[in-house]
């Protein structure tokens, strides 16, 4: 599955199974929590593809951070988060992030000292399941 952050699209690593292509630019003001809720479930080995325009004179920079725990994610505290997508990496084909483990993944934009995360709704959580689980 591939999640594109033109922001995000979701597709499958298993080419025999096509889930669909869900695309939304990684941008300030779009509710990605709602997006993740509507486009789930996500599965182990799904690939998230983050796409966004590189910064220029008219485009503000964006980045993608992975938070280690729900508390830092809820506070948009970047001190223990890891940058997985620099402001220049979202252009063109974007960059891929594979959901390799059965664990929650907390993503957010870290630009402007977390303002995009706090006020811009640029954050979401996915908890990939094992394929074949039915709830």
N, C-alpha and C. Protein backbone atom coordinates (compact mmCIF):
# COMPACT_ATOMS: atom_id res chain seq x y z
N UNK A 1 0.85 -1.15 0.00
CA UNK A 1 0.00 0.00 0.00
C UNK A 1 0.90 1.22 0.00
N UNK A 2 0.53 2.27 -0.70
CA UNK A 2 1.34 3.49 -0.77
C UNK A 2 0.50 4.68 -0.33
N UNK A 3 1.01 5.43 0.61
CA UNK A 3 0.32 6.62 1.11
C UNK A 3 1.07 7.82 0.58
N UNK A 4 0.46 8.60 -0.27
CA UNK A 4 1.16 9.75 -0.85
C UNK A 4 0.76 11.02 -0.16
N UNK A 5 1.76 11.67 0.40
CA UNK A 5 1.55 12.91 1.08
C UNK A 5 1.65 13.99 0.06
N UNK A 6 0.82 13.81 -1.96
CA UNK A 6 1.20 14.83 -2.91
C UNK A 6 0.78 15.82 -2.15
N UNK A 7 0.02 15.21 -0.42
CA UNK A 7 0.79 14.63 0.66
C UNK A 7 0.82 13.16 0.41
N UNK A 8 -0.31 12.59 0.54
CA UNK A 8 -0.31 11.17 0.82
C UNK A 8 -1.16 10.38 -0.15
N UNK A 9 -0.66 9.22 -0.61
CA UNK A 9 -1.48 8.27 -1.38
C UNK A 9 -1.24 6.89 -0.83
N UNK A 10 -2.18 6.02 -0.90
CA UNK A 10 -1.99 4.69 -0.35
C UNK A 10 -2.07 3.65 -1.45
N UNK A 11 -1.08 2.81 -1.54
CA UNK A 11 -1.04 1.73 -2.51
C UNK A 11 -0.42 0.51 -1.85
N UNK A 12 -0.39 -0.59 -2.52
CA UNK A 12 0.03 -1.83 -1.88
C UNK A 12 1.39 -2.29 -2.34
N UNK A 13 2.15 -2.86 -1.40
CA UNK A 13 3.41 -3.50 -1.75
C UNK A 13 3.11 -4.79 -2.50
N UNK A 14 1.94 -5.34 -2.27
CA UNK A 14 1.50 -6.54 -2.97
C UNK A 14 0.80 -6.09 -4.24
N UNK A 15 1.45 -6.25 -5.38
CA UNK A 15 0.91 -5.73 -6.64
C UNK A 15 -0.37 -6.44 -7.07
N UNK A 16 -0.65 -7.62 -6.53
CA UNK A 16 -1.88 -8.33 -6.87
C UNK A 16 -3.10 -7.73 -6.17
N UNK A 17 -2.84 -6.92 -5.19
CA UNK A 17 -3.92 -6.33 -4.41
C UNK A 17 -3.80 -4.82 -4.51
N UNK A 18 -4.78 -4.16 -5.06
CA UNK A 18 -4.73 -2.71 -5.21
C UNK A 18 -5.78 -2.08 -4.34
N UNK A 19 -5.34 -1.39 -3.35
CA UNK A 19 -6.26 -0.75 -2.42
C UNK A 19 -6.83 0.54 -2.98
N UNK A 20 -6.04 1.23 -3.71
CA UNK A 20 -6.50 2.51 -4.22
C UNK A 20 -5.42 3.55 -4.09
N UNK A 21 -5.69 4.71 -4.58
CA UNK A 21 -4.73 5.79 -4.57
C UNK A 21 -5.39 6.99 -3.91
N UNK A 22 -5.02 7.27 -2.69
CA UNK A 22 -5.62 8.36 -1.92
C UNK A 22 -4.59 9.47 -1.86
N UNK A 23 -4.87 10.59 -2.48
CA UNK A 23 -3.87 11.63 -2.60
C UNK A 23 -4.37 12.94 -2.00
N UNK A 24 -3.51 13.57 -1.26
CA UNK A 24 -3.77 14.90 -0.72
C UNK A 24 -2.42 15.54 -0.44
N UNK A 25 -2.22 16.76 -0.92
CA UNK A 25 -0.96 17.46 -0.68
C UNK A 25 -0.70 17.63 0.80
N UNK A 26 0.56 17.42 1.21
CA UNK A 26 1.01 17.64 2.58
C UNK A 26 1.05 19.15 2.74
N UNK A 27 0.02 19.69 3.39
CA UNK A 27 -0.11 21.14 3.44
C UNK A 27 -0.75 21.58 4.75
N UNK A 28 -0.45 22.77 5.11
CA UNK A 28 -0.98 23.41 6.32
C UNK A 28 -2.49 23.54 6.19
N UNK A 29 -3.20 23.20 7.27
CA UNK A 29 -4.65 23.40 7.32
C UNK A 29 -5.50 22.21 6.92
N UNK A 30 -4.90 21.15 6.36
CA UNK A 30 -5.67 19.97 6.00
C UNK A 30 -5.68 19.03 7.20
N UNK A 31 -6.81 18.43 7.53
CA UNK A 31 -6.94 17.57 8.72
C UNK A 31 -6.49 16.15 8.39
N UNK A 32 -5.23 15.84 8.67
CA UNK A 32 -4.67 14.53 8.35
C UNK A 32 -5.11 13.44 9.32
N UNK A 33 -5.52 13.80 10.53
CA UNK A 33 -6.08 12.78 11.43
C UNK A 33 -7.36 12.21 10.82
N UNK A 34 -8.18 13.10 10.31
CA UNK A 34 -9.41 12.67 9.65
C UNK A 34 -9.09 11.86 8.40
N UNK A 35 -8.10 12.31 7.64
CA UNK A 35 -7.68 11.61 6.43
C UNK A 35 -7.26 10.17 6.76
N UNK A 36 -6.42 10.01 7.80
CA UNK A 36 -5.94 8.68 8.17
C UNK A 36 -7.11 7.80 8.63
N UNK A 37 -8.04 8.39 9.36
CA UNK A 37 -9.21 7.64 9.83
C UNK A 37 -10.04 7.13 8.66
N UNK A 38 -10.28 7.99 7.68
CA UNK A 38 -11.12 7.63 6.54
C UNK A 38 -10.43 6.64 5.60
N UNK A 39 -9.11 6.66 5.52
CA UNK A 39 -8.39 5.84 4.55
C UNK A 39 -7.76 4.60 5.15
N UNK A 40 -8.00 4.33 6.42
CA UNK A 40 -7.50 3.12 7.04
C UNK A 40 -8.40 1.95 6.69
N UNK A 41 -8.07 0.76 7.07
CA UNK A 41 -6.90 0.45 7.90
C UNK A 41 -5.62 0.42 7.06
N UNK A 42 -4.51 0.50 7.77
CA UNK A 42 -3.20 0.37 7.17
C UNK A 42 -2.60 -0.95 7.63
N UNK A 43 -1.69 -1.48 6.83
CA UNK A 43 -1.12 -2.80 7.10
C UNK A 43 0.40 -2.76 7.13
N UNK A 44 0.97 -3.71 7.84
CA UNK A 44 2.42 -3.87 7.86
C UNK A 44 2.89 -4.05 6.42
N UNK A 45 3.96 -3.39 6.08
CA UNK A 45 4.57 -3.34 4.74
C UNK A 45 3.86 -2.41 3.79
N UNK A 46 2.84 -1.68 4.24
CA UNK A 46 2.31 -0.59 3.43
C UNK A 46 3.38 0.49 3.34
N UNK A 47 3.37 1.22 2.26
CA UNK A 47 4.34 2.28 2.05
C UNK A 47 3.64 3.62 2.02
N UNK A 48 4.12 4.55 2.83
CA UNK A 48 3.63 5.92 2.82
C UNK A 48 4.56 6.72 1.93
N UNK A 49 4.01 7.43 0.97
CA UNK A 49 4.81 8.26 0.08
C UNK A 49 4.42 9.71 0.34
N UNK A 50 5.36 10.48 0.85
CA UNK A 50 5.11 11.87 1.19
C UNK A 50 5.58 12.76 0.05
N UNK A 51 4.67 13.58 -0.45
CA UNK A 51 4.99 14.52 -1.52
C UNK A 51 4.55 15.92 -1.12
N UNK A 52 5.43 16.87 -1.31
CA UNK A 52 5.11 18.27 -1.07
C UNK A 52 6.12 19.12 -1.83
N UNK A 53 5.72 20.33 -2.16
CA UNK A 53 6.60 21.21 -2.92
C UNK A 53 7.80 21.61 -2.08
N UNK A 54 8.98 21.62 -2.68
CA UNK A 54 10.14 22.13 -1.96
C UNK A 54 9.97 23.62 -1.69
N UNK A 55 10.61 24.14 -0.65
CA UNK A 55 10.45 25.56 -0.34
C UNK A 55 11.01 26.44 -1.45
N UNK A 56 10.33 27.55 -1.69
CA UNK A 56 10.81 28.55 -2.64
C UNK A 56 10.29 29.91 -2.19
N UNK A 57 10.33 30.90 -3.06
CA UNK A 57 9.91 32.25 -2.68
C UNK A 57 8.43 32.33 -2.31
N UNK A 58 7.61 31.42 -2.84
CA UNK A 58 6.17 31.48 -2.58
C UNK A 58 5.64 30.28 -1.80
N UNK A 59 6.47 29.27 -1.56
CA UNK A 59 6.03 28.05 -0.86
C UNK A 59 6.77 27.92 0.47
N UNK A 60 6.01 27.79 1.53
CA UNK A 60 6.62 27.59 2.85
C UNK A 60 7.14 26.15 2.95
N UNK A 61 8.20 25.95 3.70
CA UNK A 61 8.75 24.60 3.82
C UNK A 61 7.88 23.69 4.68
N UNK A 62 7.92 22.42 4.36
CA UNK A 62 7.31 21.37 5.18
C UNK A 62 8.34 20.28 5.39
N UNK A 63 8.13 19.50 6.40
CA UNK A 63 9.00 18.36 6.70
C UNK A 63 8.11 17.27 7.29
N UNK A 64 8.71 16.11 7.54
CA UNK A 64 7.96 15.02 8.17
C UNK A 64 8.81 14.48 9.31
N UNK A 65 8.21 14.45 10.49
CA UNK A 65 8.87 13.91 11.67
C UNK A 65 8.11 12.68 12.14
N UNK A 66 8.86 11.75 12.72
CA UNK A 66 8.30 10.56 13.34
C UNK A 66 8.52 10.69 14.85
N UNK A 67 7.43 10.68 15.60
CA UNK A 67 7.50 10.83 17.05
C UNK A 67 7.62 9.46 17.70
N UNK A 68 8.31 9.41 18.83
CA UNK A 68 8.58 8.16 19.52
C UNK A 68 7.45 7.73 20.46
N UNK A 69 6.60 8.67 20.88
CA UNK A 69 5.56 8.32 21.84
C UNK A 69 4.36 9.26 21.66
N UNK A 70 3.22 8.84 22.18
CA UNK A 70 2.01 9.65 21.99
C UNK A 70 2.06 11.00 22.72
N UNK A 71 2.80 11.09 23.83
CA UNK A 71 2.84 12.32 24.59
C UNK A 71 3.56 13.43 23.83
N UNK A 72 4.72 13.11 23.25
CA UNK A 72 5.42 14.13 22.48
C UNK A 72 4.63 14.48 21.22
N UNK A 73 3.95 13.50 20.64
CA UNK A 73 3.11 13.73 19.46
C UNK A 73 1.97 14.69 19.80
N UNK A 74 1.26 14.45 20.90
CA UNK A 74 0.13 15.29 21.28
C UNK A 74 0.56 16.72 21.56
N UNK A 75 1.77 16.89 22.09
CA UNK A 75 2.28 18.23 22.41
C UNK A 75 3.05 18.84 21.24
N UNK A 76 3.25 18.05 20.18
CA UNK A 76 4.09 18.49 19.05
C UNK A 76 5.48 18.87 19.54
N UNK A 77 6.00 18.09 20.48
CA UNK A 77 7.33 18.30 21.05
C UNK A 77 8.35 17.57 20.18
N UNK A 78 9.10 18.33 19.41
CA UNK A 78 10.05 17.77 18.45
C UNK A 78 11.36 17.31 19.07
N UNK A 79 11.56 17.54 20.38
CA UNK A 79 12.86 17.26 20.99
C UNK A 79 13.27 15.79 20.91
N UNK A 80 12.30 14.87 20.88
CA UNK A 80 12.63 13.45 20.78
C UNK A 80 12.14 12.83 19.48
N UNK A 81 11.68 13.68 18.56
CA UNK A 81 11.20 13.18 17.27
C UNK A 81 12.36 13.07 16.30
N UNK A 82 12.18 12.22 15.30
CA UNK A 82 13.21 12.02 14.28
C UNK A 82 12.69 12.54 12.94
N UNK A 83 13.49 13.39 12.29
CA UNK A 83 13.10 13.88 10.97
C UNK A 83 13.28 12.75 9.97
N UNK A 84 12.21 12.38 9.29
CA UNK A 84 12.28 11.34 8.26
C UNK A 84 12.13 11.92 6.86
N UNK A 85 11.73 13.19 6.78
CA UNK A 85 11.59 13.86 5.49
C UNK A 85 11.97 15.32 5.60
N UNK A 86 13.09 15.70 4.99
CA UNK A 86 13.55 17.09 5.00
C UNK A 86 12.67 17.93 4.07
N UNK A 87 12.70 19.26 4.24
CA UNK A 87 11.88 20.13 3.39
C UNK A 87 12.13 19.95 1.89
N UNK A 88 13.30 19.51 1.51
CA UNK A 88 13.60 19.35 0.08
C UNK A 88 13.29 17.96 -0.46
N UNK A 89 12.90 17.02 0.40
CA UNK A 89 12.71 15.63 -0.03
C UNK A 89 11.31 15.30 -0.53
N UNK A 90 10.37 16.20 -0.39
CA UNK A 90 9.00 15.90 -0.80
C UNK A 90 8.68 16.19 -2.25
N UNK A 91 9.61 16.81 -2.97
CA UNK A 91 9.36 17.16 -4.36
C UNK A 91 9.46 15.97 -5.29
N UNK A 92 9.06 16.16 -6.51
CA UNK A 92 9.14 15.09 -7.52
C UNK A 92 8.31 13.89 -7.12
N UNK A 93 8.95 12.75 -7.02
CA UNK A 93 8.27 11.51 -6.63
C UNK A 93 8.11 11.39 -5.12
N UNK A 94 8.64 12.36 -4.36
CA UNK A 94 8.52 12.33 -2.91
C UNK A 94 9.47 11.30 -2.31
N UNK A 95 9.21 10.92 -1.08
CA UNK A 95 10.01 9.88 -0.44
C UNK A 95 9.08 8.86 0.20
N UNK A 96 9.58 7.65 0.34
CA UNK A 96 8.77 6.54 0.85
C UNK A 96 9.14 6.21 2.29
N UNK A 97 8.12 5.82 3.04
CA UNK A 97 8.30 5.32 4.40
C UNK A 97 7.48 4.04 4.51
N UNK A 98 8.16 2.93 4.81
CA UNK A 98 7.49 1.63 4.91
C UNK A 98 7.12 1.35 6.37
N UNK A 99 5.87 0.97 6.59
CA UNK A 99 5.39 0.59 7.92
C UNK A 99 5.82 -0.85 8.18
N UNK A 100 6.95 -1.02 8.84
CA UNK A 100 7.56 -2.34 8.97
C UNK A 100 7.18 -3.11 10.22
N UNK A 101 6.61 -2.44 11.20
CA UNK A 101 6.33 -3.10 12.48
C UNK A 101 4.89 -2.89 12.91
N UNK A 102 4.46 -3.77 13.78
CA UNK A 102 3.15 -3.65 14.40
C UNK A 102 3.31 -2.72 15.59
N UNK A 103 3.14 -1.44 15.32
CA UNK A 103 3.30 -0.39 16.33
C UNK A 103 2.64 0.87 15.80
N UNK A 104 2.30 1.80 16.67
CA UNK A 104 1.78 3.07 16.17
C UNK A 104 2.90 3.91 15.57
N UNK A 105 2.60 4.61 14.50
CA UNK A 105 3.52 5.54 13.87
C UNK A 105 2.88 6.92 13.97
N UNK A 106 3.60 7.85 14.59
CA UNK A 106 3.11 9.21 14.81
C UNK A 106 3.88 10.15 13.88
N UNK A 107 3.20 10.72 12.89
CA UNK A 107 3.83 11.61 11.91
C UNK A 107 3.32 13.03 12.08
N UNK A 108 4.21 14.01 11.82
CA UNK A 108 3.80 15.42 11.84
C UNK A 108 4.82 16.26 11.09
N UNK A 109 4.37 17.43 10.68
CA UNK A 109 5.27 18.43 10.10
C UNK A 109 5.94 19.15 11.27
N UNK A 110 7.25 19.31 11.17
CA UNK A 110 7.98 19.96 12.25
C UNK A 110 8.36 21.40 11.99
N UNK A 111 7.91 21.95 10.90
CA UNK A 111 8.33 23.31 10.55
C UNK A 111 7.73 24.36 11.47
N UNK A 112 8.44 25.46 11.56
CA UNK A 112 8.07 26.61 12.39
C UNK A 112 7.92 26.18 13.85
N UNK A 113 8.94 25.41 14.32
CA UNK A 113 8.98 24.93 15.71
C UNK A 113 7.72 24.18 16.12
N UNK A 114 7.17 23.42 15.20
CA UNK A 114 6.01 22.59 15.50
C UNK A 114 4.68 23.28 15.29
N UNK A 115 4.68 24.51 14.82
CA UNK A 115 3.43 25.23 14.59
C UNK A 115 2.55 24.52 13.57
N UNK A 116 3.14 23.97 12.52
CA UNK A 116 2.34 23.25 11.52
C UNK A 116 1.66 22.04 12.15
N UNK A 117 2.33 21.41 13.08
CA UNK A 117 1.76 20.28 13.82
C UNK A 117 0.66 20.76 14.76
N UNK A 118 0.95 21.78 15.55
CA UNK A 118 0.01 22.26 16.57
C UNK A 118 -1.23 22.91 15.98
N UNK A 119 -1.03 23.88 15.12
CA UNK A 119 -2.14 24.69 14.63
C UNK A 119 -2.57 24.35 13.22
N UNK A 120 -1.71 23.67 12.47
CA UNK A 120 -1.99 23.43 11.07
C UNK A 120 -2.56 22.08 10.75
N UNK A 121 -2.82 21.26 11.76
CA UNK A 121 -3.43 19.93 11.59
C UNK A 121 -2.54 18.97 10.80
N UNK A 122 -1.27 19.29 10.66
CA UNK A 122 -0.37 18.46 9.86
C UNK A 122 0.24 17.36 10.73
N UNK A 123 -0.63 16.46 11.18
CA UNK A 123 -0.18 15.31 11.97
C UNK A 123 -1.22 14.21 11.88
N UNK A 124 -0.74 12.98 12.00
CA UNK A 124 -1.65 11.84 11.98
C UNK A 124 -0.93 10.63 12.56
N UNK A 125 -1.73 9.63 12.93
CA UNK A 125 -1.24 8.38 13.49
C UNK A 125 -1.75 7.23 12.65
N UNK A 126 -0.91 6.25 12.40
CA UNK A 126 -1.36 4.99 11.81
C UNK A 126 -0.83 3.86 12.67
N UNK A 127 -1.63 2.82 12.82
CA UNK A 127 -1.22 1.63 13.55
C UNK A 127 -1.47 0.46 12.60
N UNK A 128 -0.43 0.07 11.86
CA UNK A 128 -0.63 -0.98 10.86
C UNK A 128 -0.95 -2.33 11.49
N UNK A 129 -1.85 -3.04 10.83
CA UNK A 129 -2.25 -4.37 11.28
C UNK A 129 -1.57 -5.41 10.40
N UNK A 130 -1.63 -6.65 10.85
CA UNK A 130 -1.19 -7.75 10.01
C UNK A 130 -2.25 -7.97 8.95
N UNK A 131 -1.83 -8.19 7.71
CA UNK A 131 -2.78 -8.41 6.63
C UNK A 131 -3.57 -9.69 6.93
N UNK A 132 -4.86 -9.63 6.72
CA UNK A 132 -5.71 -10.78 7.00
C UNK A 132 -6.48 -10.64 8.30
N UNK A 133 -6.08 -9.69 9.17
CA UNK A 133 -6.85 -9.45 10.37
C UNK A 133 -8.14 -8.77 9.99
N UNK A 134 -9.22 -9.23 10.53
CA UNK A 134 -10.51 -8.59 10.28
C UNK A 134 -11.09 -8.12 11.60
N UNK A 135 -11.50 -6.88 11.65
CA UNK A 135 -12.12 -6.32 12.85
C UNK A 135 -13.53 -5.96 12.57
